[in-house]
Amino acid sequence: MEDVSVQQVLEALADPARRTVVRTLAHSGADLSCGSFDLPVGRSTSSHHFSVLREAGLLRQYYVGTTKLNALRSEELERRFPGLLTAVVAAADAEAEQAPRTRDA
């Protein structure tokens, strides 16, 4: 984490799909498999997003059997950049609440 810059973290969080991953993990209370996320992209693009988040220090990935799990590195991020993750998740929550909702016909 010492080598991760705030620039790298913010660039990783600039993409809406990556913010969705971070927001989902922040609210899940558990580590989640890569297939648990509802991302509007293909599998290879999804893999790229997870890689960017991992390289920026936002995620830790590990295997349980053949399943790759993702853990949000909340505590480490809070120590390195106090309040940043909380602010980003709160902003993503507000953005999601304001997103246009589709109605059932």
C-alpha atoms as a PDB file:
ATOM      1  CA  MET A   1       0.000   0.000   0.000  1.00  0.00           C
ATOM      2  CA  GLU A   2       2.916   2.390   0.595  1.00  0.00           C
ATOM      3  CA  ASP A   3       3.598   2.515  -3.148  1.00  0.00           C
ATOM      4  CA  VAL A   4       0.001   3.329  -4.119  1.00  0.00           C
ATOM      5  CA  SER A   5      -0.637   6.987  -4.908  1.00  0.00           C
ATOM      6  CA  VAL A   6      -3.878   8.891  -4.481  1.00  0.00           C
ATOM      7  CA  GLN A   7      -3.684   9.552  -8.235  1.00  0.00           C
ATOM      8  CA  GLN A   8      -3.701   5.815  -8.953  1.00  0.00           C
ATOM      9  CA  VAL A   9      -6.662   5.223  -6.622  1.00  0.00           C
ATOM     10  CA  LEU A  10      -8.680   8.092  -8.091  1.00  0.00           C
ATOM     11  CA  GLU A  11      -7.959   6.977 -11.659  1.00  0.00           C
ATOM     12  CA  ALA A  12      -9.127   3.457 -10.776  1.00  0.00           C
ATOM     13  CA  LEU A  13     -12.315   4.871  -9.266  1.00  0.00           C
ATOM     14  CA  ALA A  14     -13.032   7.137 -12.248  1.00  0.00           C
ATOM     15  CA  ASP A  15     -14.675   4.280 -14.154  1.00  0.00           C
ATOM     16  CA  PRO A  16     -18.351   3.611 -13.279  1.00  0.00           C
ATOM     17  CA  ALA A  17     -17.962  -0.191 -13.526  1.00  0.00           C
ATOM     18  CA  ARG A  18     -15.069  -0.127 -11.057  1.00  0.00           C
ATOM     19  CA  ARG A  19     -17.027   2.141  -8.703  1.00  0.00           C
ATOM     20  CA  THR A  20     -19.849  -0.406  -8.872  1.00  0.00           C
ATOM     21  CA  VAL A  21     -17.457  -3.154  -7.769  1.00  0.00           C
ATOM     22  CA  VAL A  22     -16.148  -1.045  -4.870  1.00  0.00           C
ATOM     23  CA  ARG A  23     -19.647   0.060  -3.832  1.00  0.00           C
ATOM     24  CA  THR A  24     -20.985  -3.493  -3.949  1.00  0.00           C
ATOM     25  CA  LEU A  25     -18.117  -4.806  -1.840  1.00  0.00           C
ATOM     26  CA  ALA A  26     -18.447  -1.929   0.632  1.00  0.00           C
ATOM     27  CA  HIS A  27     -22.097  -2.809   1.242  1.00  0.00           C
ATOM     28  CA  SER A  28     -21.833  -6.595   1.061  1.00  0.00           C
ATOM     29  CA  GLY A  29     -20.129  -7.260   4.365  1.00  0.00           C
ATOM     30  CA  ALA A  30     -18.470 -10.271   2.725  1.00  0.00           C
ATOM     31  CA  ASP A  31     -15.923 -11.069   0.046  1.00  0.00           C
ATOM     32  CA  LEU A  32     -17.517 -11.772  -3.333  1.00  0.00           C
ATOM     33  CA  SER A  33     -16.594 -13.812  -6.377  1.00  0.00           C
ATOM     34  CA  CYS A  34     -15.955 -12.030  -9.665  1.00  0.00           C
ATOM     35  CA  GLY A  35     -19.210 -13.444 -11.067  1.00  0.00           C
ATOM     36  CA  SER A  36     -21.246 -11.841  -8.274  1.00  0.00           C
ATOM     37  CA  PHE A  37     -21.105  -8.383  -9.811  1.00  0.00           C
ATOM     38  CA  ASP A  38     -23.687  -7.130 -12.294  1.00  0.00           C
ATOM     39  CA  LEU A  39     -21.364  -5.308 -14.681  1.00  0.00           C
ATOM     40  CA  PRO A  40     -22.492  -4.170 -18.136  1.00  0.00           C
ATOM     41  CA  VAL A  41     -19.278  -5.449 -19.758  1.00  0.00           C
ATOM     42  CA  GLY A  42     -17.886  -8.704 -21.100  1.00  0.00           C
ATOM     43  CA  ARG A  43     -15.740 -11.146 -19.185  1.00  0.00           C
ATOM     44  CA  SER A  44     -12.352  -9.901 -20.458  1.00  0.00           C
ATOM     45  CA  THR A  45     -13.264  -6.279 -19.740  1.00  0.00           C
ATOM     46  CA  SER A  46     -14.449  -7.331 -16.282  1.00  0.00           C
ATOM     47  CA  SER A  47     -11.082  -8.999 -15.682  1.00  0.00           C
ATOM     48  CA  HIS A  48      -9.355  -5.777 -16.703  1.00  0.00           C
ATOM     49  CA  HIS A  49     -11.448  -3.762 -14.224  1.00  0.00           C
ATOM     50  CA  PHE A  50     -10.595  -6.155 -11.382  1.00  0.00           C
ATOM     51  CA  SER A  51      -6.914  -5.930 -12.320  1.00  0.00           C
ATOM     52  CA  VAL A  52      -6.964  -2.119 -12.241  1.00  0.00           C
ATOM     53  CA  LEU A  53      -8.658  -2.139  -8.824  1.00  0.00           C
ATOM     54  CA  ARG A  54      -6.150  -4.665  -7.498  1.00  0.00           C
ATOM     55  CA  GLU A  55      -3.142  -2.732  -8.815  1.00  0.00           C
ATOM     56  CA  ALA A  56      -4.508   0.478  -7.258  1.00  0.00           C
ATOM     57  CA  GLY A  57      -4.645  -1.236  -3.877  1.00  0.00           C
ATOM     58  CA  LEU A  58      -8.437  -1.223  -3.629  1.00  0.00           C
ATOM     59  CA  LEU A  59      -8.925  -4.995  -3.831  1.00  0.00           C
ATOM     60  CA  ARG A  60      -7.275  -8.111  -2.573  1.00  0.00           C
ATOM     61  CA  GLN A  61      -8.048 -11.209  -4.619  1.00  0.00           C
ATOM     62  CA  TYR A  62      -7.625 -14.784  -3.425  1.00  0.00           C
ATOM     63  CA  TYR A  63      -8.849 -18.259  -4.273  1.00  0.00           C
ATOM     64  CA  VAL A  64     -11.095 -20.570  -2.318  1.00  0.00           C
ATOM     65  CA  GLY A  65     -10.945 -23.770  -4.307  1.00  0.00           C
ATOM     66  CA  THR A  66     -11.443 -22.656  -7.898  1.00  0.00           C
ATOM     67  CA  THR A  67     -13.386 -19.503  -7.014  1.00  0.00           C
ATOM     68  CA  LYS A  68     -11.574 -16.167  -7.075  1.00  0.00           C
ATOM     69  CA  LEU A  69     -12.858 -13.911  -4.299  1.00  0.00           C
ATOM     70  CA  ASN A  70     -12.518 -10.156  -3.983  1.00  0.00           C
ATOM     71  CA  ALA A  71     -12.011  -8.309  -0.715  1.00  0.00           C
ATOM     72  CA  LEU A  72     -12.151  -4.540  -0.361  1.00  0.00           C
ATOM     73  CA  ARG A  73      -9.028  -3.301   1.433  1.00  0.00           C
ATOM     74  CA  SER A  74     -11.017  -0.834   3.546  1.00  0.00           C
ATOM     75  CA  GLU A  75      -8.781  -0.714   6.607  1.00  0.00           C
ATOM     76  CA  GLU A  76      -5.555  -0.296   4.640  1.00  0.00           C
ATOM     77  CA  LEU A  77      -7.128   2.402   2.470  1.00  0.00           C
ATOM     78  CA  GLU A  78      -8.445   4.243   5.515  1.00  0.00           C
ATOM     79  CA  ARG A  79      -4.960   4.295   7.053  1.00  0.00           C
ATOM     80  CA  ARG A  80      -3.329   5.442   3.789  1.00  0.00           C
ATOM     81  CA  PHE A  81      -6.028   7.893   2.610  1.00  0.00           C
ATOM     82  CA  PRO A  82      -8.328   8.731   5.553  1.00  0.00           C
ATOM     83  CA  GLY A  83     -11.947   9.251   4.513  1.00  0.00           C
ATOM     84  CA  LEU A  84     -11.398   8.711   0.797  1.00  0.00           C
ATOM     85  CA  LEU A  85     -13.160   5.366   0.430  1.00  0.00           C
ATOM     86  CA  THR A  86     -16.067   6.471   2.633  1.00  0.00           C
ATOM     87  CA  ALA A  87     -16.522   9.600   0.520  1.00  0.00           C
ATOM     88  CA  VAL A  88     -16.359   7.691  -2.769  1.00  0.00           C
ATOM     89  CA  VAL A  89     -18.891   5.074  -1.621  1.00  0.00           C
ATOM     90  CA  ALA A  90     -21.236   7.797  -0.315  1.00  0.00           C
ATOM     91  CA  ALA A  91     -20.993   9.654  -3.633  1.00  0.00           C
ATOM     92  CA  ALA A  92     -21.613   6.430  -5.584  1.00  0.00           C
ATOM     93  CA  ASP A  93     -24.641   5.716  -3.376  1.00  0.00           C
ATOM     94  CA  ALA A  94     -26.056   9.189  -4.045  1.00  0.00           C
ATOM     95  CA  GLU A  95     -25.394   8.772  -7.764  1.00  0.00           C
ATOM     96  CA  ALA A  96     -27.162   5.390  -7.789  1.00  0.00           C
ATOM     97  CA  GLU A  97     -30.198   6.847  -6.005  1.00  0.00           C
ATOM     98  CA  GLN A  98     -30.489   9.596  -8.602  1.00  0.00           C
ATOM     99  CA  ALA A  99     -30.123   7.250 -11.579  1.00  0.00           C
ATOM    100  CA  PRO A 100     -33.284   7.036 -13.670  1.00  0.00           C
ATOM    101  CA  ARG A 101     -35.328   4.017 -12.695  1.00  0.00           C
ATOM    102  CA  THR A 102     -37.211   1.976 -15.238  1.00  0.00           C
ATOM    103  CA  ARG A 103     -40.872   1.272 -14.570  1.00  0.00           C
ATOM    104  CA  ASP A 104     -42.597  -2.033 -15.061  1.00  0.00           C
ATOM    105  CA  ALA A 105     -45.082  -1.741 -17.889  1.00  0.00           C
END
